[in-house]
Amino acid sequence: MYCVKCGVKLPDGAGACPLCNTPVLYDDGAAREARYSDRYPAEQRHGKFVLLALLTAVMAATGMICLILCLKTYGRASWSGYVLLGLALAWIVAILPAWFRRWHPFIFLSVDIAAICGFLVYVNGVTGGHWFLPFAFPVTLLLGAILLVIVALMRRVRRGRLRLTAVLIICVGLSCMLIELFEHITFGTQMFLWSLYCVSAFGAVGLFLLIASLIPPLRAFLERKFFI
């Protein structure tokens, strides 16, 4: 835009000519060319879904090939059952949440725990074992409950996360003794063969974090280092 009196080029948004002080009158009807486009790029999501569909197809094809091979060779599913259910478990844990725009941890973690229990039930039934109900089931529920509690607390607690992390680490170490108790009840193994080492290791880390949470410089360094 130029001044109507002296012809000097005017800067954008000028109210008067800097040379002759002639007021600038804008024509509201004139089209003004924007400096930047007001159109936002569309979110590209089709590539993600194509990849997920491709992975799903590859996993399904792999499972079907193994099943057909076992039926042709042994006349029964044989080891292909492990492959099929293992692939299904991997799909539920790793690929299923990626299909959704928002990841709901409590829903998907509960589905993962149920899928793991289903896989272990199949393995226990095929092998003729007796370890699912007294050992695998409570251990899976215990670990799943710990994971759900960790996720819930980390999502809701904003302050004192380092101290919370220390307490959770100590609780994970103590849960190892409970797992060894289930192992002792189910398989008749000796108690405190390995759980004490886990309790000592996790307890030492948790105690260090508890002490660090009381020292402001060290607490700030650890929170910044580990994004706590």
C-alpha atoms as a PDB file:
ATOM      1  CA  MET A   1       0.000   0.000   0.000  1.00  0.00           C
ATOM      2  CA  TYR A   2       1.260   3.468  -0.869  1.00  0.00           C
ATOM      3  CA  CYS A   3       0.486   6.987   0.359  1.00  0.00           C
ATOM      4  CA  VAL A   4      -2.115   8.756  -1.786  1.00  0.00           C
ATOM      5  CA  LYS A   5      -0.296  12.095  -1.434  1.00  0.00           C
ATOM      6  CA  CYS A   6       3.442  11.457  -1.697  1.00  0.00           C
ATOM      7  CA  GLY A   7       3.536   7.892  -2.988  1.00  0.00           C
ATOM      8  CA  VAL A   8       5.714   6.480  -0.188  1.00  0.00           C
ATOM      9  CA  LYS A   9       5.263   2.763   0.460  1.00  0.00           C
ATOM     10  CA  LEU A  10       3.499   2.329   3.777  1.00  0.00           C
ATOM     11  CA  PRO A  11       4.282  -0.416   6.281  1.00  0.00           C
ATOM     12  CA  ASP A  12       1.531  -2.873   7.133  1.00  0.00           C
ATOM     13  CA  GLY A  13      -0.902  -1.505   9.686  1.00  0.00           C
ATOM     14  CA  ALA A  14       0.306   2.109   9.420  1.00  0.00           C
ATOM     15  CA  GLY A  15      -2.281   4.710  10.436  1.00  0.00           C
ATOM     16  CA  ALA A  16      -0.547   7.655   8.750  1.00  0.00           C
ATOM     17  CA  CYS A  17       2.186   8.283   6.214  1.00  0.00           C
ATOM     18  CA  PRO A  18       5.575   8.481   8.006  1.00  0.00           C
ATOM     19  CA  LEU A  19       6.731  11.178   5.542  1.00  0.00           C
ATOM     20  CA  CYS A  20       3.806  13.575   5.156  1.00  0.00           C
ATOM     21  CA  ASN A  21       1.548  12.411   8.008  1.00  0.00           C
ATOM     22  CA  THR A  22      -1.376  11.911   5.650  1.00  0.00           C
ATOM     23  CA  PRO A  23      -3.994   9.668   7.316  1.00  0.00           C
ATOM     24  CA  VAL A  24      -4.353   6.251   5.761  1.00  0.00           C
ATOM     25  CA  LEU A  25      -7.905   5.303   4.853  1.00  0.00           C
ATOM     26  CA  TYR A  26      -8.472   1.551   4.496  1.00  0.00           C
ATOM     27  CA  ASP A  27     -11.079   0.137   2.184  1.00  0.00           C
ATOM     28  CA  ASP A  28     -12.872  -2.533   4.193  1.00  0.00           C
ATOM     29  CA  GLY A  29     -14.140  -4.132   1.017  1.00  0.00           C
ATOM     30  CA  ALA A  30     -10.663  -4.607  -0.457  1.00  0.00           C
ATOM     31  CA  ALA A  31      -9.248  -8.072  -0.227  1.00  0.00           C
ATOM     32  CA  ARG A  32      -6.232  -8.236   2.035  1.00  0.00           C
ATOM     33  CA  GLU A  33      -3.703 -10.940   1.450  1.00  0.00           C
ATOM     34  CA  ALA A  34      -2.831 -12.698   4.695  1.00  0.00           C
ATOM     35  CA  ARG A  35       0.810 -13.106   5.552  1.00  0.00           C
ATOM     36  CA  TYR A  36       0.229 -16.695   6.694  1.00  0.00           C
ATOM     37  CA  SER A  37      -2.337 -19.256   5.681  1.00  0.00           C
ATOM     38  CA  ASP A  38      -5.232 -19.770   8.064  1.00  0.00           C
ATOM     39  CA  ARG A  39      -5.592 -23.405   7.053  1.00  0.00           C
ATOM     40  CA  TYR A  40      -4.196 -26.019   9.377  1.00  0.00           C
ATOM     41  CA  PRO A  41      -2.771 -29.257   8.013  1.00  0.00           C
ATOM     42  CA  ALA A  42      -5.086 -32.216   8.430  1.00  0.00           C
ATOM     43  CA  GLU A  43      -3.995 -34.739  10.996  1.00  0.00           C
ATOM     44  CA  GLN A  44      -2.350 -37.676   9.275  1.00  0.00           C
ATOM     45  CA  ARG A  45      -3.671 -40.854  10.825  1.00  0.00           C
ATOM     46  CA  HIS A  46      -4.219 -43.154   7.875  1.00  0.00           C
ATOM     47  CA  GLY A  47      -0.551 -44.207   7.864  1.00  0.00           C
ATOM     48  CA  LYS A  48      -0.826 -45.435  11.441  1.00  0.00           C
ATOM     49  CA  PHE A  49      -3.936 -47.494  10.736  1.00  0.00           C
ATOM     50  CA  VAL A  50      -2.385 -48.988   7.607  1.00  0.00           C
ATOM     51  CA  LEU A  51       0.605 -50.132   9.670  1.00  0.00           C
ATOM     52  CA  LEU A  52      -1.647 -51.586  12.386  1.00  0.00           C
ATOM     53  CA  ALA A  53      -3.747 -53.409   9.790  1.00  0.00           C
ATOM     54  CA  LEU A  54      -0.596 -54.774   8.158  1.00  0.00           C
ATOM     55  CA  LEU A  55       0.768 -56.046  11.472  1.00  0.00           C
ATOM     56  CA  THR A  56      -2.594 -57.615  12.290  1.00  0.00           C
ATOM     57  CA  ALA A  57      -2.703 -59.360   8.913  1.00  0.00           C
ATOM     58  CA  VAL A  58       0.871 -60.647   9.297  1.00  0.00           C
ATOM     59  CA  MET A  59       0.156 -62.022  12.772  1.00  0.00           C
ATOM     60  CA  ALA A  60      -3.088 -63.654  11.629  1.00  0.00           C
ATOM     61  CA  ALA A  61      -1.387 -65.192   8.585  1.00  0.00           C
ATOM     62  CA  THR A  62       1.458 -66.521  10.737  1.00  0.00           C
ATOM     63  CA  GLY A  63      -0.974 -68.157  13.134  1.00  0.00           C
ATOM     64  CA  MET A  64      -3.022 -69.712  10.336  1.00  0.00           C
ATOM     65  CA  ILE A  65       0.096 -71.082   8.619  1.00  0.00           C
ATOM     66  CA  CYS A  66       1.223 -72.717  11.863  1.00  0.00           C
ATOM     67  CA  LEU A  67      -2.249 -74.176  12.429  1.00  0.00           C
ATOM     68  CA  ILE A  68      -2.479 -75.605   8.894  1.00  0.00           C
ATOM     69  CA  LEU A  69       1.029 -77.043   9.200  1.00  0.00           C
ATOM     70  CA  CYS A  70       0.174 -78.805  12.463  1.00  0.00           C
ATOM     71  CA  LEU A  71      -3.116 -80.139  11.094  1.00  0.00           C
ATOM     72  CA  LYS A  72      -1.337 -81.525   8.036  1.00  0.00           C
ATOM     73  CA  THR A  73       1.516 -83.022  10.054  1.00  0.00           C
ATOM     74  CA  TYR A  74      -0.044 -84.187  13.321  1.00  0.00           C
ATOM     75  CA  GLY A  75      -3.758 -84.103  12.564  1.00  0.00           C
ATOM     76  CA  ARG A  76      -4.319 -81.752  15.504  1.00  0.00           C
ATOM     77  CA  ALA A  77      -3.406 -78.270  16.642  1.00  0.00           C
ATOM     78  CA  SER A  78      -0.365 -79.439  18.633  1.00  0.00           C
ATOM     79  CA  TRP A  79       2.097 -76.591  19.211  1.00  0.00           C
ATOM     80  CA  SER A  80       0.215 -74.193  16.929  1.00  0.00           C
ATOM     81  CA  GLY A  81      -2.158 -73.488  19.806  1.00  0.00           C
ATOM     82  CA  TYR A  82       0.687 -71.823  21.694  1.00  0.00           C
ATOM     83  CA  VAL A  83       1.535 -69.780  18.607  1.00  0.00           C
ATOM     84  CA  LEU A  84      -2.065 -68.717  17.971  1.00  0.00           C
ATOM     85  CA  LEU A  85      -2.785 -67.719  21.556  1.00  0.00           C
ATOM     86  CA  GLY A  86       0.650 -66.141  21.937  1.00  0.00           C
ATOM     87  CA  LEU A  87       0.049 -63.990  18.864  1.00  0.00           C
ATOM     88  CA  ALA A  88      -3.427 -63.119  20.112  1.00  0.00           C
ATOM     89  CA  LEU A  89      -1.969 -62.113  23.470  1.00  0.00           C
ATOM     90  CA  ALA A  90       0.701 -59.974  21.786  1.00  0.00           C
ATOM     91  CA  TRP A  91      -1.969 -58.337  19.621  1.00  0.00           C
ATOM     92  CA  ILE A  92      -4.145 -57.512  22.635  1.00  0.00           C
ATOM     93  CA  VAL A  93      -1.247 -56.108  24.661  1.00  0.00           C
ATOM     94  CA  ALA A  94       0.683 -54.202  21.981  1.00  0.00           C
ATOM     95  CA  ILE A  95      -1.590 -53.466  19.020  1.00  0.00           C
ATOM     96  CA  LEU A  96      -5.148 -53.195  20.347  1.00  0.00           C
ATOM     97  CA  PRO A  97      -4.546 -49.975  22.373  1.00  0.00           C
ATOM     98  CA  ALA A  98      -2.983 -48.299  19.329  1.00  0.00           C
ATOM     99  CA  TRP A  99      -6.296 -48.482  17.427  1.00  0.00           C
ATOM    100  CA  PHE A 100      -7.860 -45.996  19.842  1.00  0.00           C
ATOM    101  CA  ARG A 101      -7.269 -42.264  19.885  1.00  0.00           C
ATOM    102  CA  ARG A 102      -7.208 -42.105  23.674  1.00  0.00           C
ATOM    103  CA  TRP A 103      -5.449 -44.729  25.758  1.00  0.00           C
ATOM    104  CA  HIS A 104      -7.433 -45.659  28.860  1.00  0.00           C
ATOM    105  CA  PRO A 105      -4.902 -47.464  31.073  1.00  0.00           C
ATOM    106  CA  PHE A 106      -7.334 -49.026  33.528  1.00  0.00           C
ATOM    107  CA  ILE A 107      -9.463 -50.579  30.798  1.00  0.00           C
ATOM    108  CA  PHE A 108      -6.595 -51.857  28.691  1.00  0.00           C
ATOM    109  CA  LEU A 109      -4.560 -53.111  31.650  1.00  0.00           C
ATOM    110  CA  SER A 110      -7.585 -55.047  32.897  1.00  0.00           C
ATOM    111  CA  VAL A 111      -8.027 -56.557  29.425  1.00  0.00           C
ATOM    112  CA  ASP A 112      -4.315 -57.449  29.359  1.00  0.00           C
ATOM    113  CA  ILE A 113      -4.549 -59.195  32.731  1.00  0.00           C
ATOM    114  CA  ALA A 114      -7.579 -61.190  31.570  1.00  0.00           C
ATOM    115  CA  ALA A 115      -5.790 -62.137  28.329  1.00  0.00           C
ATOM    116  CA  ILE A 116      -2.701 -63.305  30.216  1.00  0.00           C
ATOM    117  CA  CYS A 117      -4.865 -65.407  32.525  1.00  0.00           C
ATOM    118  CA  GLY A 118      -6.596 -66.944  29.506  1.00  0.00           C
ATOM    119  CA  PHE A 119      -3.271 -67.844  27.914  1.00  0.00           C
ATOM    120  CA  LEU A 120      -2.034 -69.432  31.152  1.00  0.00           C
ATOM    121  CA  VAL A 121      -5.284 -71.398  31.488  1.00  0.00           C
ATOM    122  CA  TYR A 122      -4.702 -72.855  28.016  1.00  0.00           C
ATOM    123  CA  VAL A 123      -1.086 -73.761  28.783  1.00  0.00           C
ATOM    124  CA  ASN A 124      -2.105 -75.321  32.101  1.00  0.00           C
ATOM    125  CA  GLY A 125      -4.852 -77.365  30.438  1.00  0.00           C
ATOM    126  CA  VAL A 126      -2.731 -78.576  27.520  1.00  0.00           C
ATOM    127  CA  THR A 127       0.191 -79.600  29.716  1.00  0.00           C
ATOM    128  CA  GLY A 128      -2.061 -81.216  32.311  1.00  0.00           C
ATOM    129  CA  GLY A 129      -0.676 -79.018  35.049  1.00  0.00           C
ATOM    130  CA  HIS A 130      -2.178 -78.050  38.370  1.00  0.00           C
ATOM    131  CA  TRP A 131      -0.349 -74.787  38.890  1.00  0.00           C
ATOM    132  CA  PHE A 132      -2.762 -72.220  37.478  1.00  0.00           C
ATOM    133  CA  LEU A 133      -5.208 -71.704  40.345  1.00  0.00           C
ATOM    134  CA  PRO A 134      -2.756 -71.983  43.268  1.00  0.00           C
ATOM    135  CA  PHE A 135       0.146 -70.141  41.620  1.00  0.00           C
ATOM    136  CA  ALA A 136      -0.249 -68.454  38.211  1.00  0.00           C
ATOM    137  CA  PHE A 137      -3.683 -66.932  38.830  1.00  0.00           C
ATOM    138  CA  PRO A 138      -2.921 -65.187  42.163  1.00  0.00           C
ATOM    139  CA  VAL A 139       0.527 -64.085  40.956  1.00  0.00           C
ATOM    140  CA  THR A 140      -0.963 -62.578  37.782  1.00  0.00           C
ATOM    141  CA  LEU A 141      -3.663 -60.792  39.770  1.00  0.00           C
ATOM    142  CA  LEU A 142      -1.081 -59.554  42.274  1.00  0.00           C
ATOM    143  CA  LEU A 143       1.219 -58.127  39.609  1.00  0.00           C
ATOM    144  CA  GLY A 144      -1.738 -56.654  37.725  1.00  0.00           C
ATOM    145  CA  ALA A 145      -3.076 -55.003  40.874  1.00  0.00           C
ATOM    146  CA  ILE A 146       0.349 -53.526  41.639  1.00  0.00           C
ATOM    147  CA  LEU A 147       0.605 -52.165  38.107  1.00  0.00           C
ATOM    148  CA  LEU A 148      -2.891 -50.647  38.281  1.00  0.00           C
ATOM    149  CA  VAL A 149      -2.104 -49.003  41.620  1.00  0.00           C
ATOM    150  CA  ILE A 150       1.153 -47.574  40.251  1.00  0.00           C
ATOM    151  CA  VAL A 151      -0.590 -46.149  37.182  1.00  0.00           C
ATOM    152  CA  ALA A 152      -3.451 -44.711  39.252  1.00  0.00           C
ATOM    153  CA  LEU A 153      -1.168 -43.026  41.767  1.00  0.00           C
ATOM    154  CA  MET A 154       1.216 -41.655  39.144  1.00  0.00           C
ATOM    155  CA  ARG A 155      -1.709 -40.158  37.230  1.00  0.00           C
ATOM    156  CA  ARG A 156      -3.303 -38.513  40.263  1.00  0.00           C
ATOM    157  CA  VAL A 157      -0.413 -37.554  42.532  1.00  0.00           C
ATOM    158  CA  ARG A 158       1.420 -34.422  41.386  1.00  0.00           C
ATOM    159  CA  ARG A 159       3.609 -33.613  44.373  1.00  0.00           C
ATOM    160  CA  GLY A 160       5.895 -35.949  46.299  1.00  0.00           C
ATOM    161  CA  ARG A 161       6.274 -38.400  43.428  1.00  0.00           C
ATOM    162  CA  LEU A 162       9.810 -39.337  44.437  1.00  0.00           C
ATOM    163  CA  ARG A 163       8.623 -40.405  47.883  1.00  0.00           C
ATOM    164  CA  LEU A 164       5.709 -42.237  46.296  1.00  0.00           C
ATOM    165  CA  THR A 165       8.077 -44.019  43.911  1.00  0.00           C
ATOM    166  CA  ALA A 166      10.204 -45.130  46.856  1.00  0.00           C
ATOM    167  CA  VAL A 167       7.203 -46.607  48.666  1.00  0.00           C
ATOM    168  CA  LEU A 168       6.030 -48.395  45.519  1.00  0.00           C
ATOM    169  CA  ILE A 169       9.485 -49.901  44.929  1.00  0.00           C
ATOM    170  CA  ILE A 170       9.562 -51.216  48.494  1.00  0.00           C
ATOM    171  CA  CYS A 171       6.079 -52.705  48.034  1.00  0.00           C
ATOM    172  CA  VAL A 172       7.190 -54.437  44.831  1.00  0.00           C
ATOM    173  CA  GLY A 173      10.087 -55.982  46.744  1.00  0.00           C
ATOM    174  CA  LEU A 174       7.772 -57.189  49.513  1.00  0.00           C
ATOM    175  CA  SER A 175       5.424 -58.718  46.943  1.00  0.00           C
ATOM    176  CA  CYS A 176       8.257 -61.046  45.906  1.00  0.00           C
ATOM    177  CA  MET A 177       7.925 -62.791  49.268  1.00  0.00           C
ATOM    178  CA  LEU A 178       4.231 -63.334  48.574  1.00  0.00           C
ATOM    179  CA  ILE A 179       5.048 -64.782  45.153  1.00  0.00           C
ATOM    180  CA  GLU A 180       7.540 -67.164  46.741  1.00  0.00           C
ATOM    181  CA  LEU A 181       4.865 -68.173  49.252  1.00  0.00           C
ATOM    182  CA  PHE A 182       2.553 -69.180  46.388  1.00  0.00           C
ATOM    183  CA  GLU A 183       5.471 -71.070  44.853  1.00  0.00           C
ATOM    184  CA  HIS A 184       6.090 -72.864  48.144  1.00  0.00           C
ATOM    185  CA  ILE A 185       2.426 -73.842  48.480  1.00  0.00           C
ATOM    186  CA  THR A 186       2.128 -75.051  44.885  1.00  0.00           C
ATOM    187  CA  PHE A 187       5.455 -76.730  44.198  1.00  0.00           C
ATOM    188  CA  GLY A 188       6.733 -77.427  47.698  1.00  0.00           C
ATOM    189  CA  THR A 189       9.896 -75.380  47.261  1.00  0.00           C
ATOM    190  CA  GLN A 190      11.843 -73.969  50.172  1.00  0.00           C
ATOM    191  CA  MET A 191      10.940 -70.508  51.381  1.00  0.00           C
ATOM    192  CA  PHE A 192      13.264 -67.509  51.212  1.00  0.00           C
ATOM    193  CA  LEU A 193      15.505 -68.892  48.484  1.00  0.00           C
ATOM    194  CA  TRP A 194      15.334 -65.797  46.291  1.00  0.00           C
ATOM    195  CA  SER A 195      12.734 -63.414  47.668  1.00  0.00           C
ATOM    196  CA  LEU A 196      15.031 -62.047  50.372  1.00  0.00           C
ATOM    197  CA  TYR A 197      17.484 -60.910  47.716  1.00  0.00           C
ATOM    198  CA  CYS A 198      14.684 -59.097  45.908  1.00  0.00           C
ATOM    199  CA  VAL A 199      13.434 -57.517  49.117  1.00  0.00           C
ATOM    200  CA  SER A 200      16.967 -56.374  49.979  1.00  0.00           C
ATOM    201  CA  ALA A 201      17.616 -54.905  46.521  1.00  0.00           C
ATOM    202  CA  PHE A 202      14.258 -53.163  46.159  1.00  0.00           C
ATOM    203  CA  GLY A 203      14.371 -52.051  49.791  1.00  0.00           C
ATOM    204  CA  ALA A 204      17.809 -50.483  49.350  1.00  0.00           C
ATOM    205  CA  VAL A 205      16.661 -48.561  46.278  1.00  0.00           C
ATOM    206  CA  GLY A 206      13.462 -47.464  48.009  1.00  0.00           C
ATOM    207  CA  LEU A 207      15.330 -46.375  51.135  1.00  0.00           C
ATOM    208  CA  PHE A 208      17.764 -44.363  49.028  1.00  0.00           C
ATOM    209  CA  LEU A 209      14.886 -42.603  47.281  1.00  0.00           C
ATOM    210  CA  LEU A 210      13.199 -41.889  50.613  1.00  0.00           C
ATOM    211  CA  ILE A 211      16.374 -40.293  51.945  1.00  0.00           C
ATOM    212  CA  ALA A 212      16.856 -38.413  48.666  1.00  0.00           C
ATOM    213  CA  SER A 213      13.330 -37.007  48.917  1.00  0.00           C
ATOM    214  CA  LEU A 214      14.373 -35.270  52.159  1.00  0.00           C
ATOM    215  CA  ILE A 215      17.381 -33.553  50.534  1.00  0.00           C
ATOM    216  CA  PRO A 216      16.108 -30.778  48.208  1.00  0.00           C
ATOM    217  CA  PRO A 217      19.116 -30.593  45.808  1.00  0.00           C
ATOM    218  CA  LEU A 218      19.278 -34.375  45.401  1.00  0.00           C
ATOM    219  CA  ARG A 219      15.493 -34.611  45.077  1.00  0.00           C
ATOM    220  CA  ALA A 220      15.457 -31.950  42.363  1.00  0.00           C
ATOM    221  CA  PHE A 221      18.268 -33.710  40.483  1.00  0.00           C
ATOM    222  CA  LEU A 222      16.557 -37.120  40.562  1.00  0.00           C
ATOM    223  CA  GLU A 223      13.169 -35.696  39.579  1.00  0.00           C
ATOM    224  CA  ARG A 224      14.767 -33.859  36.682  1.00  0.00           C
ATOM    225  CA  LYS A 225      16.898 -36.854  35.663  1.00  0.00           C
ATOM    226  CA  PHE A 226      14.147 -39.470  35.704  1.00  0.00           C
ATOM    227  CA  PHE A 227      11.168 -37.181  34.863  1.00  0.00           C
ATOM    228  CA  ILE A 228       9.396 -38.075  38.095  1.00  0.00           C
END
